[in-house]
Amino acid sequence: MEHTTGKAEAILAAALRVFGEQGFSQARVEDIARAAGVGKGTIYEYFASKQAIFERAVEQGMTRYLNCLDEELAAPRPAEEKLRRIARLHVAFVVGHMDLAHIVAGDPGVLSERLKERVLVMRRSVEERIARILAAGMAQGRLRHVEGRVAARAFLGALAAAGMNFFEHLDRDPGVVAETVSDLFLNGLRAAPGKPE
């Protein structure tokens, strides 16, 4: 039933605005239809339920994030620069998807078991990508030897915590937040000059 067209995209965008303003639980399909400029019946031509709209928005966001991440990783750059760029990408993504982030953070019960599993799979996939960057940096002697998966998870955890800043301080500069996380993380990992690990 769910398919992607210009109208479906407009419904998704309107739904995110409505969810952001009212919260997922309080939002009604009628509110989404009104915000999208369509009739309630039109919503059901594209989506089976309010939950289906939300899940499609989350899945789209995850796909966009991974696509952007893969573009960054494909470029031939030193590991440190890749990590800095990932930090900027992550923070910019959170800021650009605040409505979705507010819903997930404020009402984690809105995620179905299937979607929770998809989010977990995506997180593991991102961790693996970051662990590969770290391994390359360690192999080149640019980063200290540490357990890559643990370091990757710590990096993502720091980015997630930094993203929470924007719930309380919308005026924070995303570039400064990303650079702060990058500096803290990389200064702890950088190999000392002349000291092979």
N, C-alpha and C. Protein backbone atom coordinates (compact mmCIF):
# COMPACT_ATOMS: atom_id res chain seq x y z
N MET A 1 0.82 -1.19 0.00
CA MET A 1 0.00 0.00 0.00
C MET A 1 0.87 1.25 0.00
N GLU A 2 1.98 1.24 0.76
CA GLU A 2 2.82 2.42 0.85
C GLU A 2 3.68 2.53 -0.39
N HIS A 3 3.66 3.69 -0.99
CA HIS A 3 4.52 3.94 -2.14
C HIS A 3 4.95 5.39 -2.10
N THR A 4 5.95 5.70 -2.87
CA THR A 4 6.53 7.03 -2.80
C THR A 4 6.19 7.81 -4.06
N THR A 5 5.53 8.91 -3.87
CA THR A 5 5.24 9.85 -4.95
C THR A 5 5.38 11.23 -4.34
N GLY A 6 5.17 12.25 -5.18
CA GLY A 6 5.21 13.61 -4.66
C GLY A 6 4.19 13.82 -3.56
N LYS A 7 3.00 13.25 -3.75
CA LYS A 7 1.95 13.41 -2.74
C LYS A 7 2.32 12.67 -1.45
N ALA A 8 2.87 11.47 -1.60
CA ALA A 8 3.28 10.72 -0.40
C ALA A 8 4.37 11.49 0.35
N GLU A 9 5.29 12.09 -0.39
CA GLU A 9 6.34 12.89 0.25
C GLU A 9 5.75 14.08 0.98
N ALA A 10 4.75 14.72 0.38
CA ALA A 10 4.09 15.87 1.03
C ALA A 10 3.39 15.41 2.30
N ILE A 11 2.77 14.25 2.26
CA ILE A 11 2.11 13.71 3.45
C ILE A 11 3.14 13.42 4.55
N LEU A 12 4.26 12.83 4.17
CA LEU A 12 5.31 12.55 5.16
C LEU A 12 5.82 13.83 5.80
N ALA A 13 6.08 14.84 4.97
CA ALA A 13 6.58 16.12 5.50
C ALA A 13 5.56 16.75 6.43
N ALA A 14 4.29 16.74 6.03
CA ALA A 14 3.24 17.31 6.87
C ALA A 14 3.11 16.53 8.17
N ALA A 15 3.19 15.21 8.08
CA ALA A 15 3.08 14.37 9.28
C ALA A 15 4.18 14.69 10.27
N LEU A 16 5.40 14.87 9.79
CA LEU A 16 6.50 15.19 10.70
C LEU A 16 6.27 16.52 11.40
N ARG A 17 5.74 17.50 10.67
CA ARG A 17 5.42 18.78 11.31
C ARG A 17 4.36 18.59 12.39
N VAL A 18 3.30 17.87 12.05
CA VAL A 18 2.22 17.64 13.00
C VAL A 18 2.71 16.83 14.20
N PHE A 19 3.47 15.78 13.95
CA PHE A 19 4.02 14.98 15.05
C PHE A 19 4.90 15.85 15.95
N GLY A 20 5.70 16.71 15.33
CA GLY A 20 6.59 17.59 16.09
C GLY A 20 5.83 18.58 16.95
N GLU A 21 4.72 19.09 16.43
CA GLU A 21 3.92 20.08 17.17
C GLU A 21 3.06 19.44 18.24
N GLN A 22 2.44 18.31 17.92
CA GLN A 22 1.44 17.72 18.82
C GLN A 22 1.93 16.48 19.56
N GLY A 23 3.04 15.92 19.11
CA GLY A 23 3.46 14.63 19.64
C GLY A 23 2.76 13.54 18.86
N PHE A 24 3.38 12.39 18.80
CA PHE A 24 2.82 11.31 17.99
C PHE A 24 1.45 10.88 18.51
N SER A 25 1.33 10.69 19.81
CA SER A 25 0.09 10.17 20.38
C SER A 25 -1.10 11.09 20.17
N GLN A 26 -0.87 12.40 20.24
CA GLN A 26 -1.96 13.36 20.11
C GLN A 26 -2.33 13.66 18.67
N ALA A 27 -1.41 13.45 17.76
CA ALA A 27 -1.66 13.76 16.35
C ALA A 27 -2.72 12.81 15.79
N ARG A 28 -3.59 13.36 14.95
CA ARG A 28 -4.62 12.55 14.30
C ARG A 28 -4.39 12.56 12.79
N VAL A 29 -4.87 11.55 12.13
CA VAL A 29 -4.74 11.49 10.68
C VAL A 29 -5.40 12.71 10.04
N GLU A 30 -6.51 13.18 10.62
CA GLU A 30 -7.19 14.38 10.11
C GLU A 30 -6.25 15.59 10.14
N ASP A 31 -5.47 15.70 11.22
CA ASP A 31 -4.53 16.82 11.35
C ASP A 31 -3.46 16.74 10.27
N ILE A 32 -2.99 15.54 10.01
CA ILE A 32 -1.96 15.35 8.98
C ILE A 32 -2.53 15.69 7.61
N ALA A 33 -3.75 15.23 7.34
CA ALA A 33 -4.39 15.53 6.05
C ALA A 33 -4.54 17.03 5.86
N ARG A 34 -5.00 17.72 6.90
CA ARG A 34 -5.17 19.17 6.81
C ARG A 34 -3.83 19.86 6.54
N ALA A 35 -2.79 19.44 7.25
CA ALA A 35 -1.46 20.04 7.06
C ALA A 35 -0.91 19.75 5.67
N ALA A 36 -1.26 18.60 5.11
CA ALA A 36 -0.77 18.22 3.77
C ALA A 36 -1.64 18.80 2.66
N GLY A 37 -2.79 19.36 3.04
CA GLY A 37 -3.70 19.91 2.03
C GLY A 37 -4.41 18.84 1.23
N VAL A 38 -4.69 17.70 1.87
CA VAL A 38 -5.40 16.60 1.20
C VAL A 38 -6.53 16.13 2.11
N GLY A 39 -7.41 15.33 1.55
CA GLY A 39 -8.47 14.74 2.35
C GLY A 39 -7.96 13.56 3.15
N LYS A 40 -8.68 13.24 4.23
CA LYS A 40 -8.27 12.11 5.08
C LYS A 40 -8.19 10.81 4.28
N GLY A 41 -9.11 10.61 3.36
CA GLY A 41 -9.11 9.40 2.54
C GLY A 41 -7.85 9.28 1.70
N THR A 42 -7.32 10.42 1.28
CA THR A 42 -6.10 10.40 0.46
C THR A 42 -4.93 9.83 1.26
N ILE A 43 -4.90 10.14 2.54
CA ILE A 43 -3.82 9.60 3.39
C ILE A 43 -3.81 8.07 3.29
N TYR A 44 -5.00 7.48 3.37
CA TYR A 44 -5.10 6.02 3.37
C TYR A 44 -4.84 5.40 2.00
N GLU A 45 -4.82 6.21 0.95
CA GLU A 45 -4.40 5.71 -0.36
C GLU A 45 -2.90 5.43 -0.37
N TYR A 46 -2.17 6.12 0.50
CA TYR A 46 -0.71 6.01 0.53
C TYR A 46 -0.18 5.26 1.74
N PHE A 47 -0.87 5.35 2.86
CA PHE A 47 -0.39 4.76 4.10
C PHE A 47 -1.53 4.06 4.83
N ALA A 48 -1.24 2.92 5.42
CA ALA A 48 -2.26 2.13 6.11
C ALA A 48 -2.70 2.76 7.43
N SER A 49 -1.81 3.54 8.06
CA SER A 49 -2.11 4.08 9.38
C SER A 49 -1.14 5.22 9.72
N LYS A 50 -1.44 5.88 10.81
CA LYS A 50 -0.54 6.92 11.32
C LYS A 50 0.82 6.30 11.66
N GLN A 51 0.79 5.12 12.24
CA GLN A 51 2.03 4.41 12.58
C GLN A 51 2.84 4.14 11.32
N ALA A 52 2.17 3.75 10.24
CA ALA A 52 2.87 3.47 8.98
C ALA A 52 3.54 4.73 8.43
N ILE A 53 2.88 5.87 8.60
CA ILE A 53 3.47 7.14 8.15
C ILE A 53 4.75 7.40 8.93
N PHE A 54 4.65 7.26 10.25
CA PHE A 54 5.80 7.52 11.10
C PHE A 54 6.96 6.57 10.77
N GLU A 55 6.65 5.30 10.63
CA GLU A 55 7.70 4.33 10.36
C GLU A 55 8.36 4.58 9.01
N ARG A 56 7.57 4.98 8.03
CA ARG A 56 8.15 5.29 6.71
C ARG A 56 9.09 6.49 6.82
N ALA A 57 8.70 7.49 7.62
CA ALA A 57 9.56 8.67 7.80
C ALA A 57 10.87 8.28 8.47
N VAL A 58 10.81 7.43 9.48
CA VAL A 58 12.02 6.98 10.17
C VAL A 58 12.90 6.19 9.20
N GLU A 59 12.30 5.28 8.44
CA GLU A 59 13.07 4.48 7.49
C GLU A 59 13.73 5.34 6.42
N GLN A 60 13.00 6.34 5.93
CA GLN A 60 13.58 7.26 4.94
C GLN A 60 14.77 8.00 5.54
N GLY A 61 14.59 8.46 6.77
CA GLY A 61 15.68 9.17 7.43
C GLY A 61 16.91 8.30 7.60
N MET A 62 16.70 7.04 7.99
CA MET A 62 17.83 6.12 8.15
C MET A 62 18.54 5.89 6.82
N THR A 63 17.77 5.73 5.76
CA THR A 63 18.36 5.50 4.43
C THR A 63 19.18 6.70 4.00
N ARG A 64 18.63 7.90 4.20
CA ARG A 64 19.37 9.12 3.83
C ARG A 64 20.67 9.23 4.61
N TYR A 65 20.59 8.94 5.91
CA TYR A 65 21.77 9.02 6.77
C TYR A 65 22.86 8.07 6.26
N LEU A 66 22.49 6.82 6.00
CA LEU A 66 23.47 5.84 5.54
C LEU A 66 24.04 6.22 4.18
N ASN A 67 23.21 6.74 3.29
CA ASN A 67 23.71 7.16 1.97
C ASN A 67 24.73 8.28 2.10
N CYS A 68 24.43 9.27 2.95
CA CYS A 68 25.37 10.38 3.17
C CYS A 68 26.65 9.87 3.82
N LEU A 69 26.51 8.97 4.76
CA LEU A 69 27.67 8.39 5.44
C LEU A 69 28.55 7.65 4.45
N ASP A 70 27.95 6.85 3.59
CA ASP A 70 28.73 6.09 2.61
C ASP A 70 29.44 7.00 1.62
N GLU A 71 28.82 8.13 1.25
CA GLU A 71 29.49 9.10 0.38
C GLU A 71 30.75 9.63 1.06
N GLU A 72 30.63 9.95 2.34
CA GLU A 72 31.78 10.46 3.09
C GLU A 72 32.89 9.40 3.18
N LEU A 73 32.50 8.17 3.41
CA LEU A 73 33.48 7.11 3.61
C LEU A 73 34.20 6.74 2.31
N ALA A 74 33.55 6.95 1.19
CA ALA A 74 34.15 6.57 -0.10
C ALA A 74 35.30 7.48 -0.49
N ALA A 75 35.32 8.69 0.02
CA ALA A 75 36.36 9.65 -0.36
C ALA A 75 37.70 9.25 0.27
N PRO A 76 38.79 9.39 -0.49
CA PRO A 76 40.12 9.03 0.04
C PRO A 76 40.65 10.13 0.98
N ARG A 77 40.36 9.97 2.27
CA ARG A 77 40.79 10.95 3.27
C ARG A 77 41.41 10.20 4.44
N PRO A 78 42.25 10.90 5.22
CA PRO A 78 42.79 10.28 6.44
C PRO A 78 41.64 9.96 7.41
N ALA A 79 41.87 8.98 8.27
CA ALA A 79 40.84 8.55 9.22
C ALA A 79 40.33 9.70 10.08
N GLU A 80 41.24 10.56 10.54
CA GLU A 80 40.82 11.67 11.40
C GLU A 80 39.84 12.59 10.68
N GLU A 81 40.14 12.87 9.41
CA GLU A 81 39.26 13.76 8.64
C GLU A 81 37.91 13.09 8.40
N LYS A 82 37.91 11.80 8.14
CA LYS A 82 36.64 11.09 7.96
C LYS A 82 35.79 11.16 9.23
N LEU A 83 36.42 10.98 10.39
CA LEU A 83 35.68 11.04 11.64
C LEU A 83 35.12 12.44 11.89
N ARG A 84 35.92 13.46 11.58
CA ARG A 84 35.42 14.83 11.72
C ARG A 84 34.21 15.07 10.81
N ARG A 85 34.31 14.59 9.60
CA ARG A 85 33.22 14.79 8.64
C ARG A 85 31.97 14.00 9.06
N ILE A 86 32.17 12.81 9.63
CA ILE A 86 31.03 12.04 10.12
C ILE A 86 30.37 12.78 11.28
N ALA A 87 31.17 13.38 12.16
CA ALA A 87 30.61 14.15 13.28
C ALA A 87 29.76 15.30 12.75
N ARG A 88 30.28 16.02 11.75
CA ARG A 88 29.51 17.13 11.17
C ARG A 88 28.23 16.63 10.52
N LEU A 89 28.35 15.53 9.78
CA LEU A 89 27.18 14.93 9.13
C LEU A 89 26.13 14.54 10.16
N HIS A 90 26.56 13.88 11.22
CA HIS A 90 25.63 13.40 12.24
C HIS A 90 24.89 14.56 12.91
N VAL A 91 25.64 15.57 13.32
CA VAL A 91 25.03 16.71 14.00
C VAL A 91 24.09 17.45 13.05
N ALA A 92 24.52 17.65 11.81
CA ALA A 92 23.65 18.32 10.83
C ALA A 92 22.39 17.50 10.58
N PHE A 93 22.52 16.18 10.57
CA PHE A 93 21.36 15.32 10.36
C PHE A 93 20.37 15.46 11.51
N VAL A 94 20.86 15.45 12.73
CA VAL A 94 19.98 15.61 13.90
C VAL A 94 19.26 16.95 13.83
N VAL A 95 20.01 18.01 13.55
CA VAL A 95 19.41 19.34 13.48
C VAL A 95 18.37 19.40 12.35
N GLY A 96 18.67 18.77 11.23
CA GLY A 96 17.75 18.77 10.10
C GLY A 96 16.53 17.89 10.28
N HIS A 97 16.55 17.03 11.27
CA HIS A 97 15.43 16.11 11.53
C HIS A 97 14.97 16.21 12.98
N MET A 98 14.90 17.44 13.48
CA MET A 98 14.55 17.64 14.89
C MET A 98 13.16 17.12 15.23
N ASP A 99 12.19 17.27 14.31
CA ASP A 99 10.84 16.78 14.60
C ASP A 99 10.87 15.29 14.89
N LEU A 100 11.56 14.56 14.05
CA LEU A 100 11.67 13.11 14.21
C LEU A 100 12.44 12.76 15.49
N ALA A 101 13.53 13.48 15.73
CA ALA A 101 14.34 13.22 16.92
C ALA A 101 13.53 13.47 18.19
N HIS A 102 12.73 14.54 18.20
CA HIS A 102 11.89 14.84 19.37
C HIS A 102 10.90 13.72 19.64
N ILE A 103 10.31 13.20 18.57
CA ILE A 103 9.32 12.13 18.74
C ILE A 103 9.97 10.89 19.33
N VAL A 104 11.06 10.47 18.73
CA VAL A 104 11.73 9.24 19.17
C VAL A 104 12.26 9.39 20.60
N ALA A 105 12.87 10.55 20.90
CA ALA A 105 13.42 10.77 22.24
C ALA A 105 12.30 10.93 23.28
N GLY A 106 11.22 11.63 22.89
CA GLY A 106 10.15 11.91 23.84
C GLY A 106 9.17 10.78 24.03
N ASP A 107 9.05 9.90 23.04
CA ASP A 107 8.07 8.82 23.11
C ASP A 107 8.64 7.56 22.46
N PRO A 108 9.66 6.95 23.10
CA PRO A 108 10.30 5.79 22.48
C PRO A 108 9.34 4.63 22.24
N GLY A 109 8.21 4.60 22.93
CA GLY A 109 7.23 3.54 22.74
C GLY A 109 6.56 3.59 21.38
N VAL A 110 6.76 4.68 20.65
CA VAL A 110 6.13 4.83 19.34
C VAL A 110 6.79 3.91 18.30
N LEU A 111 7.99 3.44 18.61
CA LEU A 111 8.68 2.55 17.67
C LEU A 111 8.16 1.12 17.83
N SER A 112 7.72 0.54 16.73
CA SER A 112 7.29 -0.86 16.76
C SER A 112 8.51 -1.74 16.97
N GLU A 113 8.28 -2.98 17.33
CA GLU A 113 9.40 -3.91 17.51
C GLU A 113 10.19 -4.07 16.21
N ARG A 114 9.48 -4.11 15.09
CA ARG A 114 10.15 -4.24 13.79
C ARG A 114 11.05 -3.04 13.54
N LEU A 115 10.55 -1.84 13.84
CA LEU A 115 11.34 -0.64 13.60
C LEU A 115 12.50 -0.54 14.59
N LYS A 116 12.28 -0.94 15.83
CA LYS A 116 13.38 -0.95 16.80
C LYS A 116 14.51 -1.84 16.30
N GLU A 117 14.14 -2.99 15.75
CA GLU A 117 15.14 -3.91 15.21
C GLU A 117 15.88 -3.27 14.03
N ARG A 118 15.16 -2.56 13.16
CA ARG A 118 15.79 -1.89 12.02
C ARG A 118 16.76 -0.81 12.49
N VAL A 119 16.36 -0.05 13.51
CA VAL A 119 17.23 1.00 14.06
C VAL A 119 18.48 0.36 14.64
N LEU A 120 18.32 -0.75 15.35
CA LEU A 120 19.47 -1.45 15.94
C LEU A 120 20.41 -1.97 14.85
N VAL A 121 19.86 -2.53 13.79
CA VAL A 121 20.67 -3.02 12.67
C VAL A 121 21.43 -1.86 12.03
N MET A 122 20.75 -0.72 11.87
CA MET A 122 21.41 0.44 11.27
C MET A 122 22.54 0.92 12.17
N ARG A 123 22.28 0.99 13.47
CA ARG A 123 23.32 1.45 14.40
C ARG A 123 24.54 0.54 14.33
N ARG A 124 24.31 -0.75 14.30
CA ARG A 124 25.44 -1.69 14.18
C ARG A 124 26.19 -1.48 12.87
N SER A 125 25.46 -1.21 11.82
CA SER A 125 26.07 -0.97 10.52
C SER A 125 26.95 0.27 10.55
N VAL A 126 26.46 1.32 11.21
CA VAL A 126 27.24 2.55 11.33
C VAL A 126 28.47 2.28 12.20
N GLU A 127 28.30 1.54 13.29
CA GLU A 127 29.45 1.19 14.14
C GLU A 127 30.51 0.44 13.35
N GLU A 128 30.08 -0.49 12.51
CA GLU A 128 31.04 -1.25 11.69
C GLU A 128 31.80 -0.33 10.75
N ARG A 129 31.11 0.61 10.15
CA ARG A 129 31.76 1.55 9.24
C ARG A 129 32.81 2.38 9.99
N ILE A 130 32.43 2.86 11.17
CA ILE A 130 33.36 3.67 11.95
C ILE A 130 34.53 2.82 12.44
N ALA A 131 34.25 1.59 12.84
CA ALA A 131 35.33 0.69 13.28
C ALA A 131 36.33 0.46 12.15
N ARG A 132 35.86 0.37 10.91
CA ARG A 132 36.77 0.19 9.77
C ARG A 132 37.65 1.43 9.58
N ILE A 133 37.07 2.61 9.77
CA ILE A 133 37.86 3.84 9.67
C ILE A 133 38.94 3.83 10.74
N LEU A 134 38.54 3.48 11.96
CA LEU A 134 39.50 3.44 13.07
C LEU A 134 40.61 2.43 12.79
N ALA A 135 40.24 1.26 12.28
CA ALA A 135 41.24 0.23 11.97
C ALA A 135 42.23 0.74 10.93
N ALA A 136 41.73 1.46 9.93
CA ALA A 136 42.63 2.01 8.90
C ALA A 136 43.58 3.03 9.53
N GLY A 137 43.05 3.89 10.40
CA GLY A 137 43.89 4.88 11.07
C GLY A 137 44.93 4.24 11.96
N MET A 138 44.57 3.15 12.62
CA MET A 138 45.52 2.42 13.47
C MET A 138 46.59 1.75 12.62
N ALA A 139 46.17 1.15 11.52
CA ALA A 139 47.12 0.47 10.63
C ALA A 139 48.13 1.45 10.04
N GLN A 140 47.71 2.69 9.83
CA GLN A 140 48.60 3.72 9.28
C GLN A 140 49.45 4.37 10.37
N GLY A 141 49.21 4.01 11.63
CA GLY A 141 49.96 4.61 12.72
C GLY A 141 49.48 6.00 13.10
N ARG A 142 48.34 6.40 12.58
CA ARG A 142 47.80 7.74 12.87
C ARG A 142 46.98 7.75 14.15
N LEU A 143 46.44 6.58 14.52
CA LEU A 143 45.63 6.46 15.72
C LEU A 143 46.21 5.35 16.61
N ARG A 144 46.04 5.52 17.93
CA ARG A 144 46.49 4.49 18.86
C ARG A 144 45.68 3.22 18.65
N HIS A 145 46.29 2.11 19.01
CA HIS A 145 45.58 0.83 18.91
C HIS A 145 44.64 0.68 20.10
N VAL A 146 43.36 0.59 19.79
CA VAL A 146 42.32 0.38 20.79
C VAL A 146 41.33 -0.63 20.20
N GLU A 147 40.42 -1.08 21.01
CA GLU A 147 39.37 -1.98 20.51
C GLU A 147 38.43 -1.15 19.63
N GLY A 148 38.44 -1.42 18.34
CA GLY A 148 37.72 -0.61 17.36
C GLY A 148 36.23 -0.52 17.58
N ARG A 149 35.58 -1.64 17.90
CA ARG A 149 34.12 -1.61 18.08
C ARG A 149 33.74 -0.80 19.31
N VAL A 150 34.53 -0.92 20.37
CA VAL A 150 34.26 -0.14 21.59
C VAL A 150 34.43 1.34 21.29
N ALA A 151 35.51 1.70 20.60
CA ALA A 151 35.76 3.10 20.26
C ALA A 151 34.68 3.63 19.32
N ALA A 152 34.24 2.82 18.37
CA ALA A 152 33.19 3.26 17.44
C ALA A 152 31.89 3.53 18.20
N ARG A 153 31.57 2.66 19.14
CA ARG A 153 30.35 2.85 19.93
C ARG A 153 30.47 4.09 20.82
N ALA A 154 31.66 4.33 21.37
CA ALA A 154 31.88 5.52 22.19
C ALA A 154 31.72 6.78 21.35
N PHE A 155 32.24 6.76 20.13
CA PHE A 155 32.13 7.91 19.24
C PHE A 155 30.66 8.19 18.94
N LEU A 156 29.91 7.16 18.58
CA LEU A 156 28.48 7.36 18.30
C LEU A 156 27.73 7.81 19.54
N GLY A 157 28.10 7.28 20.70
CA GLY A 157 27.46 7.70 21.94
C GLY A 157 27.71 9.17 22.23
N ALA A 158 28.93 9.61 21.99
CA ALA A 158 29.25 11.03 22.19
C ALA A 158 28.46 11.90 21.22
N LEU A 159 28.32 11.44 19.98
CA LEU A 159 27.54 12.20 19.00
C LEU A 159 26.06 12.24 19.38
N ALA A 160 25.54 11.12 19.88
CA ALA A 160 24.14 11.10 20.30
C ALA A 160 23.91 12.07 21.46
N ALA A 161 24.83 12.07 22.42
CA ALA A 161 24.71 13.00 23.55
C ALA A 161 24.82 14.44 23.07
N ALA A 162 25.72 14.70 22.13
CA ALA A 162 25.86 16.05 21.59
C ALA A 162 24.59 16.47 20.87
N GLY A 163 23.97 15.54 20.16
CA GLY A 163 22.72 15.86 19.47
C GLY A 163 21.62 16.27 20.42
N MET A 164 21.63 15.72 21.64
CA MET A 164 20.62 16.09 22.64
C MET A 164 20.72 17.55 23.04
N ASN A 165 21.90 18.17 22.85
CA ASN A 165 22.06 19.59 23.13
C ASN A 165 21.00 20.43 22.45
N PHE A 166 20.62 20.02 21.25
CA PHE A 166 19.73 20.84 20.44
C PHE A 166 18.29 20.79 20.91
N PHE A 167 17.95 19.83 21.79
CA PHE A 167 16.61 19.82 22.36
C PHE A 167 16.44 20.99 23.33
N GLU A 168 17.53 21.36 23.98
CA GLU A 168 17.48 22.41 24.98
C GLU A 168 18.05 23.73 24.48
N HIS A 169 18.99 23.67 23.56
CA HIS A 169 19.69 24.87 23.10
C HIS A 169 19.68 24.91 21.57
N LEU A 170 18.56 25.36 21.02
CA LEU A 170 18.42 25.38 19.56
C LEU A 170 19.38 26.35 18.90
N ASP A 171 19.94 27.28 19.69
CA ASP A 171 20.83 28.29 19.11
C ASP A 171 22.28 27.83 19.04
N ARG A 172 22.57 26.62 19.48
CA ARG A 172 23.95 26.11 19.41
C ARG A 172 24.38 25.99 17.96
N ASP A 173 25.64 26.27 17.73
CA ASP A 173 26.20 26.14 16.38
C ASP A 173 26.54 24.67 16.13
N PRO A 174 25.87 24.03 15.15
CA PRO A 174 26.13 22.61 14.90
C PRO A 174 27.60 22.32 14.59
N GLY A 175 28.26 23.23 13.89
CA GLY A 175 29.67 23.03 13.57
C GLY A 175 30.55 22.99 14.81
N VAL A 176 30.25 23.86 15.77
CA VAL A 176 31.02 23.89 17.01
C VAL A 176 30.78 22.61 17.82
N VAL A 177 29.54 22.16 17.87
CA VAL A 177 29.22 20.93 18.60
C VAL A 177 29.96 19.74 17.98
N ALA A 178 29.90 19.62 16.66
CA ALA A 178 30.58 18.51 15.97
C ALA A 178 32.08 18.57 16.17
N GLU A 179 32.64 19.76 16.09
CA GLU A 179 34.10 19.91 16.25
C GLU A 179 34.53 19.59 17.68
N THR A 180 33.71 19.95 18.65
CA THR A 180 34.03 19.65 20.05
C THR A 180 34.09 18.14 20.27
N VAL A 181 33.10 17.42 19.78
CA VAL A 181 33.10 15.95 19.92
C VAL A 181 34.31 15.36 19.19
N SER A 182 34.56 15.83 17.98
CA SER A 182 35.69 15.32 17.20
C SER A 182 37.00 15.54 17.93
N ASP A 183 37.20 16.75 18.45
CA ASP A 183 38.45 17.06 19.15
C ASP A 183 38.64 16.18 20.38
N LEU A 184 37.60 16.07 21.19
CA LEU A 184 37.70 15.24 22.39
C LEU A 184 38.04 13.80 22.03
N PHE A 185 37.37 13.28 21.04
CA PHE A 185 37.57 11.89 20.65
C PHE A 185 38.94 11.68 20.02
N LEU A 186 39.28 12.51 19.06
CA LEU A 186 40.54 12.31 18.34
C LEU A 186 41.76 12.60 19.20
N ASN A 187 41.67 13.56 20.10
CA ASN A 187 42.82 13.82 20.98
C ASN A 187 43.09 12.64 21.91
N GLY A 188 42.06 11.87 22.21
CA GLY A 188 42.26 10.67 23.01
C GLY A 188 42.79 9.50 22.20
N LEU A 189 42.58 9.52 20.89
CA LEU A 189 42.99 8.40 20.03
C LEU A 189 44.28 8.63 19.26
N ARG A 190 44.63 9.88 19.08
CA ARG A 190 45.77 10.18 18.19
C ARG A 190 47.05 9.55 18.73
N ALA A 191 47.77 8.92 17.84
CA ALA A 191 49.06 8.32 18.21
C ALA A 191 50.06 9.42 18.50
N ALA A 192 50.85 9.24 19.55
CA ALA A 192 51.87 10.23 19.88
C ALA A 192 52.97 10.18 18.83
N PRO A 193 53.52 11.34 18.45
CA PRO A 193 54.59 11.35 17.44
C PRO A 193 55.78 10.52 17.91
N GLY A 194 56.28 9.68 17.02
CA GLY A 194 57.46 8.89 17.31
C GLY A 194 57.23 7.73 18.26
N LYS A 195 55.97 7.47 18.61
CA LYS A 195 55.67 6.37 19.53
C LYS A 195 54.73 5.41 18.84
N PRO A 196 55.28 4.47 18.11
CA PRO A 196 54.39 3.50 17.47
C PRO A 196 53.66 2.68 18.53
N GLU A 197 52.39 2.42 18.26
CA GLU A 197 51.56 1.66 19.21
C GLU A 197 51.66 0.18 18.93
